[in-house]
């Protein structure tokens, strides 16, 4: 995986008001931390960080350039606005390309399940797994093949493979996907149906109801 470049500037000021001002100008407050460096407050162009994440995925290797220095990093966390989903802040972690790290990788489901063709429902129980590997070996996704999954059957993390050099460290007994029966509305048992009220005869003239 080749590192994508991202230009950054040291952020001299702090505070929510200053952060809002930066975001209005198309800049994003970030912090760079990690191996053998002190925490460094930064700003990057929001559009550039978005481009890097879109091109390289959530585990993209990012070469951050600031003040004539370069740091190989990954995005550890991005905070988003709860309504607009706009970027609010990002944590960039400096890493060593020679040291293994742990990170989350999304699952990608492939194939057509015979169990679904038999009327079952595909139930996704897990969307990502945690892996351990060198930064250059982080897979874009872990493939989940459901083409042999029959009705009533399931797959666990133990059934997955992330490729050479990549260890999946999520609990191997964790369920990933199952083919289950479709939900049906329960019908009342025989004899338990509510009795409909008998029609009431109209009162005759001169008689009380």
Protein backbone atom coordinates (compact mmCIF):
# COMPACT_ATOMS: atom_id res chain seq x y z
CA UNK A 1 0.00 0.00 0.00
CA UNK A 2 1.54 3.30 -1.12
CA UNK A 3 1.28 6.29 1.20
CA UNK A 4 -0.85 9.23 0.04
CA UNK A 5 0.47 12.73 0.67
CA UNK A 6 -1.25 15.29 2.86
CA UNK A 7 -0.01 18.82 3.54
CA UNK A 8 -0.48 20.18 7.06
CA UNK A 9 0.24 23.29 9.08
CA UNK A 10 1.05 23.59 12.78
CA UNK A 11 -1.97 24.96 14.63
CA UNK A 12 -0.90 27.73 17.00
CA UNK A 13 -4.24 28.46 18.64
CA UNK A 14 -6.75 26.22 20.39
CA UNK A 15 -10.36 26.41 21.56
CA UNK A 16 -13.81 25.70 20.15
CA UNK A 17 -14.25 29.19 18.73
CA UNK A 18 -10.99 28.97 16.78
CA UNK A 19 -11.87 25.45 15.60
CA UNK A 20 -15.21 26.69 14.24
CA UNK A 21 -13.42 29.53 12.44
CA UNK A 22 -11.04 27.04 10.81
CA UNK A 23 -13.88 24.80 9.65
CA UNK A 24 -15.66 27.79 8.08
CA UNK A 25 -12.46 28.40 6.10
CA UNK A 26 -12.35 24.80 4.84
CA UNK A 27 -9.68 23.71 7.31
CA UNK A 28 -9.86 20.86 9.80
CA UNK A 29 -8.29 20.79 13.28
CA UNK A 30 -6.19 17.64 13.74
CA UNK A 31 -3.70 16.22 16.18
CA UNK A 32 -0.63 14.18 15.23
CA UNK A 33 0.74 11.78 17.84
CA UNK A 34 2.52 8.47 18.03
CA UNK A 35 5.92 6.83 18.04
CA UNK A 36 8.83 9.02 19.21
CA UNK A 37 7.04 12.37 18.84
CA UNK A 38 5.14 14.72 21.10
CA UNK A 39 1.54 15.50 20.26
CA UNK A 40 1.38 18.17 17.52
CA UNK A 41 -1.79 20.20 16.84
CA UNK A 42 -2.30 20.63 13.10
CA UNK A 43 -4.67 21.91 10.46
CA UNK A 44 -5.27 20.29 7.08
CA UNK A 45 -7.58 21.13 4.21
CA UNK A 46 -10.81 19.28 4.90
CA UNK A 47 -11.29 18.45 1.21
CA UNK A 48 -7.77 17.00 1.00
CA UNK A 49 -8.25 14.72 4.01
CA UNK A 50 -11.59 13.59 2.57
CA UNK A 51 -9.87 12.84 -0.76
CA UNK A 52 -7.17 10.79 0.94
CA UNK A 53 -9.70 8.74 2.92
CA UNK A 54 -11.84 8.16 -0.17
CA UNK A 55 -8.86 7.08 -2.28
CA UNK A 56 -7.11 4.94 0.31
CA UNK A 57 -9.97 3.82 2.53
CA UNK A 58 -10.24 4.12 6.32
CA UNK A 59 -6.81 2.48 6.81
CA UNK A 60 -4.95 4.54 4.21
CA UNK A 61 -1.27 5.19 4.80
CA UNK A 62 -0.84 8.97 4.83
CA UNK A 63 2.45 10.82 4.45
CA UNK A 64 1.83 14.02 6.44
CA UNK A 65 4.15 16.87 5.43
CA UNK A 66 4.59 19.68 7.94
CA UNK A 67 7.40 22.20 8.42
CA UNK A 68 9.75 20.33 6.11
CA UNK A 69 9.26 17.00 7.90
CA UNK A 70 7.36 13.89 6.85
CA UNK A 71 5.44 11.49 9.06
CA UNK A 72 3.89 8.19 7.96
CA UNK A 73 0.48 8.05 9.64
CA UNK A 74 -2.96 6.47 9.61
CA UNK A 75 -6.25 8.07 10.61
CA UNK A 76 -7.10 6.71 14.04
CA UNK A 77 -10.35 8.64 14.50
CA UNK A 78 -12.50 11.17 12.69
CA UNK A 79 -15.17 13.04 14.63
CA UNK A 80 -18.25 13.93 12.59
CA UNK A 81 -21.16 16.27 13.23
CA UNK A 82 -24.10 14.13 14.45
CA UNK A 83 -26.54 15.68 11.94
CA UNK A 84 -24.59 16.98 8.93
CA UNK A 85 -21.82 14.32 9.19
CA UNK A 86 -19.26 17.04 8.39
CA UNK A 87 -15.74 16.48 9.68
CA UNK A 88 -15.10 18.15 13.05
CA UNK A 89 -11.67 16.79 14.08
CA UNK A 90 -9.21 14.05 13.16
CA UNK A 91 -6.56 12.07 15.04
CA UNK A 92 -3.51 11.09 12.97
CA UNK A 93 -1.21 8.45 14.43
CA UNK A 94 2.40 8.23 13.40
CA UNK A 95 3.41 4.62 12.78
CA UNK A 96 6.49 2.57 11.93
CA UNK A 97 6.33 0.57 8.72
CA UNK A 98 8.39 -2.13 10.43
CA UNK A 99 6.07 -2.65 13.41
CA UNK A 100 2.77 -4.52 13.36
CA UNK A 101 -0.37 -2.67 14.37
CA UNK A 102 -3.97 -3.54 15.13
CA UNK A 103 -6.84 -1.99 13.21
CA UNK A 104 -10.41 -2.65 12.06
CA UNK A 105 -11.08 -3.84 8.51
CA UNK A 106 -14.54 -3.99 6.90
CA UNK A 107 -16.07 -7.24 5.65
CA UNK A 108 -17.15 -7.67 2.03
CA UNK A 109 -19.79 -10.31 1.34
CA UNK A 110 -19.59 -12.12 -2.03
CA UNK A 111 -21.52 -14.90 -3.72
CA UNK A 112 -25.15 -16.03 -3.81
CA UNK A 113 -26.35 -18.13 -0.90
CA UNK A 114 -28.38 -21.28 -1.71
CA UNK A 115 -30.16 -20.77 1.59
CA UNK A 116 -31.52 -17.43 0.41
CA UNK A 117 -32.73 -19.05 -2.82
CA UNK A 118 -34.59 -21.55 -0.61
CA UNK A 119 -36.47 -18.72 1.09
CA UNK A 120 -34.08 -17.90 3.93
CA UNK A 121 -33.04 -14.44 5.02
CA UNK A 122 -29.40 -13.33 5.06
CA UNK A 123 -28.65 -11.95 8.52
CA UNK A 124 -25.46 -9.87 8.85
CA UNK A 125 -24.15 -10.10 12.40
CA UNK A 126 -20.71 -8.52 11.93
CA UNK A 127 -19.52 -5.74 9.62
CA UNK A 128 -15.79 -5.55 10.45
CA UNK A 129 -13.02 -7.51 12.12
CA UNK A 130 -9.85 -6.50 13.95
CA UNK A 131 -6.59 -7.55 12.33
CA UNK A 132 -2.91 -7.38 13.22
CA UNK A 133 -0.26 -6.90 10.54
CA UNK A 134 2.36 -4.57 9.16
CA UNK A 135 0.96 -1.20 7.98
CA UNK A 136 1.83 -2.03 4.37
CA UNK A 137 -0.16 -5.29 4.57
CA UNK A 138 -3.48 -3.89 5.82
CA UNK A 139 -6.17 -5.30 3.51
CA UNK A 140 -8.85 -3.04 2.06
CA UNK A 141 -11.44 -5.57 3.23
CA UNK A 142 -11.82 -9.18 4.35
CA UNK A 143 -13.89 -11.28 1.96
CA UNK A 144 -16.80 -13.38 3.23
CA UNK A 145 -17.90 -16.00 0.66
CA UNK A 146 -21.52 -17.04 1.25
CA UNK A 147 -21.91 -19.08 -1.95
CA UNK A 148 -22.00 -22.37 0.01
CA UNK A 149 -24.13 -21.14 2.91
CA UNK A 150 -27.36 -23.15 3.14
CA UNK A 151 -30.59 -22.60 5.01
CA UNK A 152 -30.01 -22.61 8.78
CA UNK A 153 -26.22 -22.40 8.41
CA UNK A 154 -23.83 -19.69 9.58
CA UNK A 155 -20.21 -18.53 9.38
CA UNK A 156 -17.97 -17.45 12.23
CA UNK A 157 -14.76 -15.43 12.31
CA UNK A 158 -12.86 -18.74 12.38
CA UNK A 159 -14.10 -19.37 8.82
CA UNK A 160 -12.48 -16.17 7.49
CA UNK A 161 -9.02 -15.58 6.01
CA UNK A 162 -7.38 -12.19 5.56
CA UNK A 163 -4.42 -13.37 3.51
CA UNK A 164 -0.73 -14.01 4.23
CA UNK A 165 0.84 -11.90 6.95
CA UNK A 166 -2.51 -10.74 8.32
CA UNK A 167 -3.89 -12.22 11.56
CA UNK A 168 -7.55 -11.79 12.45
CA UNK A 169 -7.66 -11.22 16.21
CA UNK A 170 -11.43 -10.87 16.67
CA UNK A 171 -12.82 -13.76 18.76
CA UNK A 172 -12.95 -16.71 16.31
CA UNK A 173 -16.31 -17.87 17.70
CA UNK A 174 -18.04 -14.59 16.83
CA UNK A 175 -20.89 -15.10 14.37
CA UNK A 176 -20.48 -13.25 11.06
CA UNK A 177 -23.54 -14.18 9.00
CA UNK A 178 -26.47 -16.61 9.20
CA UNK A 179 -29.28 -17.77 6.94
CA UNK A 180 -32.45 -17.72 9.03
CA UNK A 181 -36.15 -18.34 8.47
CA UNK A 182 -38.19 -15.28 7.50
CA UNK A 183 -40.25 -13.72 10.27
CA UNK A 184 -43.96 -14.52 10.11
CA UNK A 185 -46.86 -13.11 12.05
CA UNK A 186 -48.16 -15.54 14.64
CA UNK A 187 -51.70 -16.72 13.97
CA UNK A 188 -54.00 -17.33 16.95
CA UNK A 189 -54.32 -20.99 17.89
CA UNK A 190 -57.52 -22.79 16.96
CA UNK A 191 -60.30 -21.93 19.38
CA UNK A 192 -58.42 -18.85 20.67
CA UNK A 193 -59.74 -16.40 18.11
CA UNK A 194 -61.79 -13.63 19.60
CA UNK A 195 -65.49 -14.28 19.26
CA UNK A 196 -67.22 -11.63 17.22
CA UNK A 197 -70.07 -9.94 19.09
CA UNK A 198 -73.49 -11.23 18.04
CA UNK A 199 -75.61 -8.71 16.17
CA UNK A 200 -78.03 -6.93 18.43
CA UNK A 201 -81.73 -7.05 17.52
CA UNK A 202 -83.36 -3.63 17.23
CA UNK A 203 -85.72 -2.80 20.07
CA UNK A 204 -89.44 -2.98 19.24
CA UNK A 205 -91.63 0.07 19.68
CA UNK A 206 -92.77 0.27 23.23
CA UNK A 207 -89.96 -1.97 24.58
CA UNK A 208 -86.83 -0.86 26.41
CA UNK A 209 -83.42 -1.85 25.11
